[in-house]
Amino acid sequence: MTESAIHSRAAKLNLTVHTADYGKYYLTDSDGFVLSPGLMTQEVLEQWFDIGEVKRIEKALSDRAAKLDLMVKNDHGNFYLTDLNNCAVAPCPMTLEQIDSWLTDLEKQAAQEDKQ
């Protein structure tokens, strides 16, 4: 991963990457608070980005689900789409991509019902 790609991925998560030593990095949030436990290699930094992106996607899906009175549950990387009583409303466990697909279908169905 190039330096510009590292900074680009960080920016998508509202983070700033600082180079401390050749090949060693640390992260700060928008307030300058240091988030990383210490200096990280590029490989560890990429893992932080992956976790951050999954959380961002999960949050976006949870927001969409809430509009349908549903919830997205995460059990150690296994995702569930549940109603407000915590009952699964779709086959599970699922990936985030599958949750997205289910929500898209449910949103279309809700839009059609609203037209009637």
Protein backbone atom coordinates (compact mmCIF):
# COMPACT_ATOMS: atom_id res chain seq x y z
CA MET A 1 0.00 0.00 0.00
CA THR A 2 1.38 3.40 -0.95
CA GLU A 3 1.64 6.35 1.43
CA SER A 4 -1.17 8.15 -0.40
CA ALA A 5 -3.40 5.06 -0.16
CA ILE A 6 -2.71 4.84 3.58
CA HIS A 7 -3.68 8.49 4.07
CA SER A 8 -6.75 8.08 1.85
CA ARG A 9 -8.05 5.10 3.84
CA ALA A 10 -7.46 6.99 7.08
CA ALA A 11 -9.35 10.03 5.79
CA LYS A 12 -12.41 7.88 4.98
CA LEU A 13 -12.53 6.97 8.68
CA ASN A 14 -11.89 10.58 9.82
CA LEU A 15 -8.43 9.61 11.07
CA THR A 16 -4.96 10.98 10.45
CA VAL A 17 -1.92 8.79 9.90
CA HIS A 18 1.44 10.01 11.19
CA THR A 19 4.78 8.55 10.18
CA ALA A 20 6.94 8.15 13.27
CA ASP A 21 9.77 6.12 11.85
CA TYR A 22 10.39 4.59 8.45
CA GLY A 23 7.62 2.01 8.06
CA LYS A 24 6.08 2.78 11.46
CA TYR A 25 2.85 4.70 11.93
CA TYR A 26 0.38 5.90 14.53
CA LEU A 27 -3.20 7.17 14.24
CA THR A 28 -4.99 10.19 15.66
CA ASP A 29 -8.64 11.19 15.58
CA SER A 30 -9.96 14.60 14.49
CA ASP A 31 -9.15 16.03 17.95
CA GLY A 32 -5.54 14.85 17.77
CA PHE A 33 -6.11 12.05 20.30
CA VAL A 34 -3.72 9.16 19.66
CA LEU A 35 -5.75 6.01 18.95
CA SER A 36 -3.11 3.41 18.31
CA PRO A 37 -1.53 1.57 21.23
CA GLY A 38 1.93 2.24 19.83
CA LEU A 39 3.80 2.39 16.58
CA MET A 40 2.28 0.11 13.96
CA THR A 41 3.62 -1.55 10.87
CA GLN A 42 1.75 -1.09 7.62
CA GLU A 43 0.21 -4.56 8.02
CA VAL A 44 -1.23 -3.74 11.46
CA LEU A 45 -2.39 -0.34 10.21
CA GLU A 46 -4.30 -2.03 7.38
CA GLN A 47 -6.00 -4.31 9.95
CA TRP A 48 -7.11 -1.21 11.91
CA PHE A 49 -8.54 0.25 8.70
CA ASP A 50 -10.37 -2.99 7.90
CA ILE A 51 -11.95 -3.03 11.37
CA GLY A 52 -12.92 0.64 11.04
CA GLU A 53 -14.50 0.11 7.64
CA VAL A 54 -16.51 -2.87 8.87
CA LYS A 55 -17.78 -0.78 11.79
CA ARG A 56 -18.69 2.08 9.44
CA ILE A 57 -20.60 -0.27 7.13
CA GLU A 58 -22.28 -1.97 10.09
CA LYS A 59 -23.39 1.45 11.43
CA ALA A 60 -24.83 2.47 8.05
CA LEU A 61 -26.73 -0.83 7.81
CA SER A 62 -27.97 -0.46 11.40
CA ASP A 63 -29.29 3.00 10.57
CA ARG A 64 -31.15 1.62 7.54
CA ALA A 65 -32.52 -1.29 9.59
CA ALA A 66 -33.77 1.06 12.32
CA LYS A 67 -35.96 2.84 9.77
CA LEU A 68 -37.68 -0.52 9.24
CA ASP A 69 -37.91 -1.21 13.00
CA LEU A 70 -35.16 -3.82 12.69
CA MET A 71 -31.68 -4.23 14.17
CA VAL A 72 -28.35 -5.54 12.89
CA LYS A 73 -26.65 -7.71 15.51
CA ASN A 74 -22.96 -8.62 15.40
CA ASP A 75 -21.88 -11.79 17.18
CA HIS A 76 -18.12 -12.05 16.61
CA GLY A 77 -18.40 -11.29 12.89
CA ASN A 78 -21.60 -13.25 12.39
CA PHE A 79 -24.37 -10.78 11.54
CA TYR A 80 -28.08 -11.15 12.23
CA LEU A 81 -31.07 -9.11 11.12
CA THR A 82 -33.59 -9.07 13.96
CA ASP A 83 -36.83 -7.38 14.89
CA LEU A 84 -37.14 -5.26 18.01
CA ASN A 85 -37.96 -8.42 20.02
CA ASN A 86 -34.55 -9.82 19.02
CA CYS A 87 -36.11 -12.48 16.76
CA ALA A 88 -34.27 -13.22 13.52
CA VAL A 89 -36.17 -12.03 10.45
CA ALA A 90 -33.79 -13.54 7.89
CA PRO A 91 -31.69 -16.69 7.59
CA CYS A 92 -28.58 -16.30 9.69
CA PRO A 93 -25.75 -15.84 10.24
CA MET A 94 -25.12 -13.49 7.33
CA THR A 95 -22.37 -11.33 5.89
CA LEU A 96 -22.74 -7.55 5.74
CA GLU A 97 -23.34 -7.88 2.00
CA GLN A 98 -26.25 -10.25 2.66
CA ILE A 99 -27.68 -7.87 5.27
CA ASP A 100 -27.45 -5.06 2.69
CA SER A 101 -29.30 -7.17 0.15
CA TRP A 102 -32.08 -8.06 2.61
CA LEU A 103 -32.47 -4.43 3.65
CA THR A 104 -32.65 -3.32 0.01
CA ASP A 105 -35.46 -5.82 -0.63
CA LEU A 106 -37.31 -4.82 2.54
CA GLU A 107 -36.96 -1.11 1.69
CA LYS A 108 -38.42 -1.75 -1.78
CA GLN A 109 -41.29 -3.72 -0.23
CA ALA A 110 -41.98 -0.92 2.29
CA ALA A 111 -41.95 1.67 -0.52
CA GLN A 112 -44.48 -0.35 -2.50
CA GLU A 113 -46.72 -0.70 0.58
CA ASP A 114 -46.53 3.07 1.13
CA LYS A 115 -47.80 3.66 -2.42
CA GLN A 116 -50.92 1.58 -1.80
